[in-house]
Amino acid sequence: MCFGSFEPFTSGDVKSLNNLGSGIFTQEQLDEIKASDPNLYEQLQSGKYHIITKQTDSGFIDQKVIYKN
């Protein structure tokens, strides 16, 4: 049986790196507004890898790794 419900993301962070595996990165904390912002990807800096982690109040974690040209 599958249950479906929508729970908004309430927190998270974005780590931005020049190269995957690099020890040097910038990190931005996401509040409820930024974590749920549909334009978040458009606001990321080009030419970098971004590890985006978002969390709901119940503990569900969604993590994506993207490269933005």
N, C-alpha and C. Protein backbone atom coordinates (compact mmCIF):
# COMPACT_ATOMS: atom_id res chain seq x y z
N MET A 1 0.84 -1.16 0.00
CA MET A 1 0.00 0.00 0.00
C MET A 1 0.89 1.23 0.00
N CYS A 2 0.50 2.22 -0.75
CA CYS A 2 1.27 3.46 -0.86
C CYS A 2 0.47 4.63 -0.29
N PHE A 3 1.12 5.41 0.50
CA PHE A 3 0.48 6.61 1.03
C PHE A 3 1.16 7.82 0.42
N GLY A 4 0.38 8.76 0.00
CA GLY A 4 0.97 9.97 -0.58
C GLY A 4 0.48 11.20 0.15
N SER A 5 1.38 12.04 0.48
CA SER A 5 1.01 13.32 1.08
C SER A 5 2.11 14.32 0.76
N PHE A 6 1.75 15.56 0.81
CA PHE A 6 2.74 16.60 0.55
C PHE A 6 3.12 17.23 1.87
N GLU A 7 4.39 17.24 2.14
CA GLU A 7 4.91 17.90 3.33
C GLU A 7 5.99 18.87 2.87
N PRO A 8 5.85 20.14 3.19
CA PRO A 8 6.84 21.11 2.70
C PRO A 8 8.20 20.94 3.36
N PHE A 9 9.23 21.29 2.62
CA PHE A 9 10.58 21.31 3.18
C PHE A 9 10.70 22.51 4.10
N THR A 10 11.33 22.30 5.25
CA THR A 10 11.42 23.37 6.24
C THR A 10 12.85 23.82 6.54
N SER A 11 13.84 23.05 6.06
CA SER A 11 15.23 23.44 6.30
C SER A 11 16.12 22.71 5.31
N GLY A 12 17.40 23.04 5.35
CA GLY A 12 18.35 22.37 4.49
C GLY A 12 19.59 23.21 4.30
N ASP A 13 20.41 22.80 3.32
CA ASP A 13 21.59 23.58 2.99
C ASP A 13 22.02 23.30 1.56
N VAL A 14 22.85 24.20 1.04
CA VAL A 14 23.44 24.05 -0.29
C VAL A 14 24.94 24.18 -0.12
N LYS A 15 25.66 23.14 -0.55
CA LYS A 15 27.12 23.20 -0.58
C LYS A 15 27.53 23.36 -2.03
N SER A 16 28.35 24.36 -2.34
CA SER A 16 28.79 24.63 -3.70
C SER A 16 30.29 24.38 -3.81
N LEU A 17 30.69 23.58 -4.83
CA LEU A 17 32.08 23.18 -4.99
C LEU A 17 32.51 23.39 -6.44
N ASN A 18 33.80 23.70 -6.63
CA ASN A 18 34.33 23.80 -7.99
C ASN A 18 34.47 22.42 -8.62
N ASN A 19 34.87 21.43 -7.82
CA ASN A 19 35.05 20.05 -8.27
C ASN A 19 34.47 19.12 -7.22
N LEU A 20 33.81 18.04 -7.66
CA LEU A 20 33.33 17.06 -6.70
C LEU A 20 34.53 16.46 -5.98
N GLY A 21 34.43 16.30 -4.70
CA GLY A 21 35.54 15.77 -3.91
C GLY A 21 36.45 16.85 -3.36
N SER A 22 36.24 18.08 -3.77
CA SER A 22 37.05 19.18 -3.28
C SER A 22 36.74 19.43 -1.81
N GLY A 23 37.75 19.73 -1.04
CA GLY A 23 37.56 20.04 0.37
C GLY A 23 37.18 21.49 0.61
N ILE A 24 37.23 22.28 -0.44
CA ILE A 24 36.91 23.70 -0.32
C ILE A 24 35.53 23.94 -0.92
N PHE A 25 34.62 24.43 -0.11
CA PHE A 25 33.27 24.68 -0.59
C PHE A 25 32.64 25.81 0.21
N THR A 26 31.57 26.35 -0.35
CA THR A 26 30.77 27.32 0.39
C THR A 26 29.48 26.64 0.78
N GLN A 27 28.93 27.05 1.90
CA GLN A 27 27.70 26.44 2.40
C GLN A 27 26.70 27.52 2.76
N GLU A 28 25.48 27.32 2.31
CA GLU A 28 24.39 28.25 2.63
C GLU A 28 23.28 27.48 3.31
N GLN A 29 22.84 27.96 4.47
CA GLN A 29 21.73 27.34 5.17
C GLN A 29 20.41 27.78 4.53
N LEU A 30 19.47 26.85 4.44
CA LEU A 30 18.16 27.15 3.87
C LEU A 30 17.12 27.18 4.98
N ASP A 31 16.35 28.27 5.04
CA ASP A 31 15.23 28.33 5.96
C ASP A 31 14.00 27.79 5.22
N GLU A 32 12.85 27.85 5.85
CA GLU A 32 11.63 27.28 5.26
C GLU A 32 11.29 27.93 3.92
N ILE A 33 11.49 29.24 3.82
CA ILE A 33 11.16 29.95 2.58
C ILE A 33 12.11 29.54 1.46
N LYS A 34 13.41 29.53 1.71
CA LYS A 34 14.39 29.16 0.69
C LYS A 34 14.30 27.68 0.32
N ALA A 35 14.05 26.81 1.30
CA ALA A 35 13.99 25.37 1.05
C ALA A 35 12.81 25.01 0.15
N SER A 36 11.75 25.80 0.19
CA SER A 36 10.56 25.53 -0.62
C SER A 36 10.50 26.40 -1.88
N ASP A 37 11.51 27.22 -2.11
CA ASP A 37 11.52 28.14 -3.26
C ASP A 37 11.70 27.37 -4.57
N PRO A 38 10.72 27.44 -5.49
CA PRO A 38 10.86 26.73 -6.77
C PRO A 38 11.96 27.32 -7.66
N ASN A 39 12.43 28.53 -7.37
CA ASN A 39 13.48 29.18 -8.18
C ASN A 39 14.88 28.98 -7.59
N LEU A 40 15.02 28.11 -6.60
CA LEU A 40 16.31 27.90 -5.94
C LEU A 40 17.39 27.50 -6.95
N TYR A 41 17.08 26.59 -7.86
CA TYR A 41 18.08 26.11 -8.82
C TYR A 41 18.55 27.23 -9.75
N GLU A 42 17.65 28.12 -10.12
CA GLU A 42 18.01 29.22 -11.01
C GLU A 42 18.95 30.21 -10.33
N GLN A 43 18.90 30.30 -9.02
CA GLN A 43 19.70 31.26 -8.28
C GLN A 43 21.12 30.76 -7.96
N LEU A 44 21.39 29.48 -8.25
CA LEU A 44 22.71 28.92 -7.96
C LEU A 44 23.75 29.44 -8.94
N GLN A 45 24.99 29.52 -8.48
CA GLN A 45 26.09 30.04 -9.29
C GLN A 45 26.45 29.04 -10.39
N SER A 46 26.67 29.55 -11.58
CA SER A 46 27.05 28.71 -12.73
C SER A 46 28.49 28.24 -12.60
N GLY A 47 28.79 27.11 -13.27
CA GLY A 47 30.15 26.58 -13.31
C GLY A 47 30.57 25.85 -12.05
N LYS A 48 29.62 25.44 -11.23
CA LYS A 48 29.94 24.75 -9.98
C LYS A 48 29.01 23.56 -9.78
N TYR A 49 29.49 22.63 -8.94
CA TYR A 49 28.66 21.54 -8.47
C TYR A 49 27.94 22.02 -7.22
N HIS A 50 26.70 21.59 -7.06
CA HIS A 50 25.91 21.98 -5.89
C HIS A 50 25.29 20.74 -5.27
N ILE A 51 25.48 20.56 -3.98
CA ILE A 51 24.85 19.48 -3.23
C ILE A 51 23.73 20.14 -2.43
N ILE A 52 22.51 19.83 -2.80
CA ILE A 52 21.34 20.47 -2.20
C ILE A 52 20.65 19.45 -1.30
N THR A 53 20.56 19.77 -0.03
CA THR A 53 19.92 18.89 0.95
C THR A 53 18.73 19.64 1.56
N LYS A 54 17.55 19.01 1.50
CA LYS A 54 16.35 19.61 2.07
C LYS A 54 15.72 18.61 3.03
N GLN A 55 15.09 19.14 4.10
CA GLN A 55 14.49 18.27 5.11
C GLN A 55 13.11 18.79 5.51
N THR A 56 12.20 17.84 5.81
CA THR A 56 10.87 18.18 6.32
C THR A 56 10.88 18.06 7.84
N ASP A 57 9.82 18.55 8.47
CA ASP A 57 9.73 18.46 9.93
C ASP A 57 9.67 17.02 10.42
N SER A 58 9.13 16.11 9.61
CA SER A 58 9.04 14.71 10.04
C SER A 58 10.35 13.95 9.85
N GLY A 59 11.37 14.59 9.24
CA GLY A 59 12.67 13.97 9.10
C GLY A 59 13.00 13.44 7.72
N PHE A 60 12.08 13.55 6.75
CA PHE A 60 12.38 13.11 5.39
C PHE A 60 13.47 14.00 4.81
N ILE A 61 14.50 13.40 4.22
CA ILE A 61 15.62 14.15 3.64
C ILE A 61 15.71 13.87 2.15
N ASP A 62 15.81 14.92 1.37
CA ASP A 62 15.98 14.82 -0.09
C ASP A 62 17.31 15.49 -0.42
N GLN A 63 18.17 14.75 -1.13
CA GLN A 63 19.48 15.32 -1.49
C GLN A 63 19.73 15.12 -2.98
N LYS A 64 20.16 16.19 -3.63
CA LYS A 64 20.46 16.15 -5.06
C LYS A 64 21.85 16.75 -5.28
N VAL A 65 22.58 16.20 -6.25
CA VAL A 65 23.86 16.75 -6.66
C VAL A 65 23.70 17.17 -8.12
N ILE A 66 23.94 18.45 -8.40
CA ILE A 66 23.79 18.95 -9.76
C ILE A 66 25.04 19.75 -10.16
N TYR A 67 25.23 19.87 -11.46
CA TYR A 67 26.24 20.77 -12.01
C TYR A 67 25.49 21.81 -12.81
N LYS A 68 25.71 23.06 -12.54
CA LYS A 68 25.04 24.12 -13.28
C LYS A 68 26.02 24.74 -14.26
N ASN A 69 25.68 24.66 -15.56
CA ASN A 69 26.50 25.28 -16.61
C ASN A 69 26.41 26.77 -16.54
